[in-house]
């Protein structure tokens, strides 16, 4: 449970868009994700906001 609290804090970013995307994933998909996906999410949270936004926008544009 402590891990989720830490991740929830890390999901709080400078933009509402990032906050909403990250919190939605954390609350709805993270708990049932594979260990690999959880690790990838934690790596995403380590990125600076501008890098994170670029990664997410690139992902959205390729889907």
N, C-alpha and C. Protein backbone atom coordinates (compact mmCIF):
# COMPACT_ATOMS: atom_id res chain seq x y z
N UNK A 1 0.82 -1.20 0.00
CA UNK A 1 0.00 0.00 0.00
C UNK A 1 0.86 1.26 0.00
N UNK A 2 1.99 1.19 0.66
CA UNK A 2 2.89 2.34 0.72
C UNK A 2 3.42 2.67 -0.67
N UNK A 3 3.64 1.62 -1.49
CA UNK A 3 4.11 1.83 -2.85
C UNK A 3 3.09 2.64 -3.65
N UNK A 4 1.82 2.31 -3.52
CA UNK A 4 0.78 3.04 -4.25
C UNK A 4 0.70 4.49 -3.81
N UNK A 5 0.87 4.75 -2.54
CA UNK A 5 0.85 6.13 -2.05
C UNK A 5 2.00 6.92 -2.65
N UNK A 6 3.17 6.30 -2.73
CA UNK A 6 4.34 6.95 -3.32
C UNK A 6 4.10 7.22 -4.81
N UNK A 7 3.56 6.24 -5.51
CA UNK A 7 3.28 6.42 -6.94
C UNK A 7 2.21 7.48 -7.16
N UNK A 8 1.21 7.51 -6.30
CA UNK A 8 0.17 8.52 -6.41
C UNK A 8 0.77 9.92 -6.30
N UNK A 9 1.70 10.09 -5.39
CA UNK A 9 2.37 11.37 -5.23
C UNK A 9 3.17 11.71 -6.48
N UNK A 10 3.84 10.72 -7.06
CA UNK A 10 4.64 10.94 -8.26
C UNK A 10 3.78 11.24 -9.48
N UNK A 11 2.53 10.84 -9.46
CA UNK A 11 1.61 11.11 -10.57
C UNK A 11 1.15 12.57 -10.59
N UNK A 12 1.35 13.27 -9.50
CA UNK A 12 0.96 14.68 -9.45
C UNK A 12 2.00 15.49 -10.20
N UNK A 13 1.59 16.07 -11.31
CA UNK A 13 2.50 16.80 -12.19
C UNK A 13 2.05 18.24 -12.30
N UNK A 14 2.73 18.97 -13.17
CA UNK A 14 2.44 20.39 -13.33
C UNK A 14 1.27 20.70 -14.24
N UNK A 15 0.80 19.69 -14.96
CA UNK A 15 -0.33 19.94 -15.86
C UNK A 15 -1.49 19.02 -15.52
N UNK A 16 -2.66 19.53 -15.66
CA UNK A 16 -3.85 18.75 -15.35
C UNK A 16 -3.97 17.53 -16.26
N UNK A 17 -3.55 17.69 -17.53
CA UNK A 17 -3.64 16.59 -18.48
C UNK A 17 -2.79 15.40 -18.03
N UNK A 18 -1.55 15.69 -17.62
CA UNK A 18 -0.69 14.61 -17.14
C UNK A 18 -1.24 14.00 -15.86
N UNK A 19 -1.70 14.83 -14.96
CA UNK A 19 -2.28 14.33 -13.71
C UNK A 19 -3.42 13.34 -13.99
N UNK A 20 -4.30 13.71 -14.88
CA UNK A 20 -5.46 12.87 -15.19
C UNK A 20 -5.05 11.56 -15.86
N UNK A 21 -4.15 11.63 -16.81
CA UNK A 21 -3.69 10.41 -17.50
C UNK A 21 -2.99 9.45 -16.54
N UNK A 22 -2.08 9.99 -15.77
CA UNK A 22 -1.31 9.14 -14.87
C UNK A 22 -2.15 8.56 -13.74
N UNK A 23 -3.00 9.37 -13.16
CA UNK A 23 -3.85 8.88 -12.07
C UNK A 23 -4.85 7.85 -12.57
N UNK A 24 -5.38 8.06 -13.76
CA UNK A 24 -6.32 7.08 -14.32
C UNK A 24 -5.63 5.73 -14.48
N UNK A 25 -4.42 5.74 -15.03
CA UNK A 25 -3.70 4.47 -15.19
C UNK A 25 -3.40 3.85 -13.83
N UNK A 26 -2.92 4.64 -12.90
CA UNK A 26 -2.56 4.12 -11.58
C UNK A 26 -3.76 3.49 -10.89
N UNK A 27 -4.88 4.13 -10.94
CA UNK A 27 -6.06 3.64 -10.23
C UNK A 27 -6.77 2.48 -10.93
N UNK A 28 -6.77 2.49 -12.27
CA UNK A 28 -7.58 1.52 -13.00
C UNK A 28 -6.81 0.37 -13.65
N UNK A 29 -5.57 0.57 -14.00
CA UNK A 29 -4.85 -0.46 -14.73
C UNK A 29 -3.61 -0.97 -14.01
N UNK A 30 -2.96 -0.11 -13.25
CA UNK A 30 -1.72 -0.50 -12.57
C UNK A 30 -1.90 -1.73 -11.67
N UNK A 31 -2.93 -1.79 -10.85
CA UNK A 31 -3.04 -2.93 -9.91
C UNK A 31 -3.06 -4.30 -10.61
N UNK A 32 -3.60 -4.38 -11.80
CA UNK A 32 -3.67 -5.67 -12.50
C UNK A 32 -2.61 -5.83 -13.59
N UNK A 33 -1.70 -4.89 -13.68
CA UNK A 33 -0.65 -4.94 -14.69
C UNK A 33 0.41 -5.97 -14.34
N UNK A 34 1.10 -6.42 -15.37
CA UNK A 34 2.21 -7.35 -15.17
C UNK A 34 3.37 -6.61 -14.49
N UNK A 35 4.28 -7.36 -13.89
CA UNK A 35 5.45 -6.71 -13.29
C UNK A 35 6.23 -5.86 -14.30
N UNK A 36 6.31 -6.32 -15.54
CA UNK A 36 7.02 -5.55 -16.57
C UNK A 36 6.32 -4.22 -16.82
N UNK A 37 5.00 -4.22 -16.94
CA UNK A 37 4.25 -2.98 -17.17
C UNK A 37 4.37 -2.05 -15.97
N UNK A 38 4.36 -2.60 -14.77
CA UNK A 38 4.52 -1.78 -13.58
C UNK A 38 5.89 -1.10 -13.58
N UNK A 39 6.91 -1.85 -13.95
CA UNK A 39 8.25 -1.29 -14.03
C UNK A 39 8.33 -0.19 -15.08
N UNK A 40 7.69 -0.38 -16.22
CA UNK A 40 7.68 0.64 -17.27
C UNK A 40 6.97 1.90 -16.80
N UNK A 41 5.89 1.74 -16.06
CA UNK A 41 5.16 2.89 -15.55
C UNK A 41 6.04 3.68 -14.57
N UNK A 42 6.75 2.98 -13.72
CA UNK A 42 7.64 3.65 -12.77
C UNK A 42 8.75 4.38 -13.51
N UNK A 43 9.25 3.81 -14.59
CA UNK A 43 10.26 4.49 -15.40
C UNK A 43 9.69 5.75 -16.04
N UNK A 44 8.44 5.69 -16.49
CA UNK A 44 7.79 6.88 -17.06
C UNK A 44 7.70 7.99 -16.02
N UNK A 45 7.38 7.62 -14.79
CA UNK A 45 7.23 8.63 -13.74
C UNK A 45 8.56 9.31 -13.41
N UNK A 46 9.66 8.67 -13.76
CA UNK A 46 10.97 9.27 -13.50
C UNK A 46 11.33 10.36 -14.51
N UNK A 47 10.59 10.43 -15.62
CA UNK A 47 10.86 11.43 -16.65
C UNK A 47 10.40 12.82 -16.20
N UNK A 48 11.06 13.82 -16.73
CA UNK A 48 10.61 15.21 -16.53
C UNK A 48 9.29 15.39 -17.30
N UNK A 49 8.52 16.37 -16.88
CA UNK A 49 7.20 16.59 -17.47
C UNK A 49 7.23 16.75 -18.98
N UNK A 50 8.17 17.53 -19.51
CA UNK A 50 8.20 17.75 -20.95
C UNK A 50 8.57 16.47 -21.70
N UNK A 51 9.46 15.66 -21.14
CA UNK A 51 9.82 14.39 -21.75
C UNK A 51 8.64 13.42 -21.69
N UNK A 52 7.97 13.39 -20.56
CA UNK A 52 6.83 12.51 -20.38
C UNK A 52 5.71 12.86 -21.35
N UNK A 53 5.43 14.14 -21.50
CA UNK A 53 4.38 14.57 -22.43
C UNK A 53 4.75 14.17 -23.86
N UNK A 54 6.01 14.31 -24.22
CA UNK A 54 6.45 13.94 -25.57
C UNK A 54 6.28 12.44 -25.81
N UNK A 55 6.63 11.63 -24.82
CA UNK A 55 6.47 10.18 -24.95
C UNK A 55 5.00 9.82 -25.10
N UNK A 56 4.16 10.39 -24.27
CA UNK A 56 2.72 10.08 -24.33
C UNK A 56 2.09 10.56 -25.62
N UNK A 57 2.47 11.73 -26.09
CA UNK A 57 1.91 12.23 -27.34
C UNK A 57 2.38 11.40 -28.53
N UNK A 58 3.62 10.96 -28.50
CA UNK A 58 4.13 10.09 -29.56
C UNK A 58 3.36 8.78 -29.57
N UNK A 59 3.09 8.24 -28.37
CA UNK A 59 2.33 7.00 -28.26
C UNK A 59 0.92 7.18 -28.84
N UNK A 60 0.28 8.25 -28.47
CA UNK A 60 -1.08 8.51 -28.93
C UNK A 60 -1.11 8.67 -30.46
N UNK A 61 -0.11 9.31 -31.00
CA UNK A 61 -0.06 9.52 -32.46
C UNK A 61 0.24 8.24 -33.23
N UNK A 62 0.77 7.21 -32.59
CA UNK A 62 1.06 5.96 -33.29
C UNK A 62 -0.05 4.94 -33.15
N UNK A 63 -1.00 5.19 -32.29
CA UNK A 63 -2.09 4.23 -32.07
C UNK A 63 -3.11 4.34 -33.17
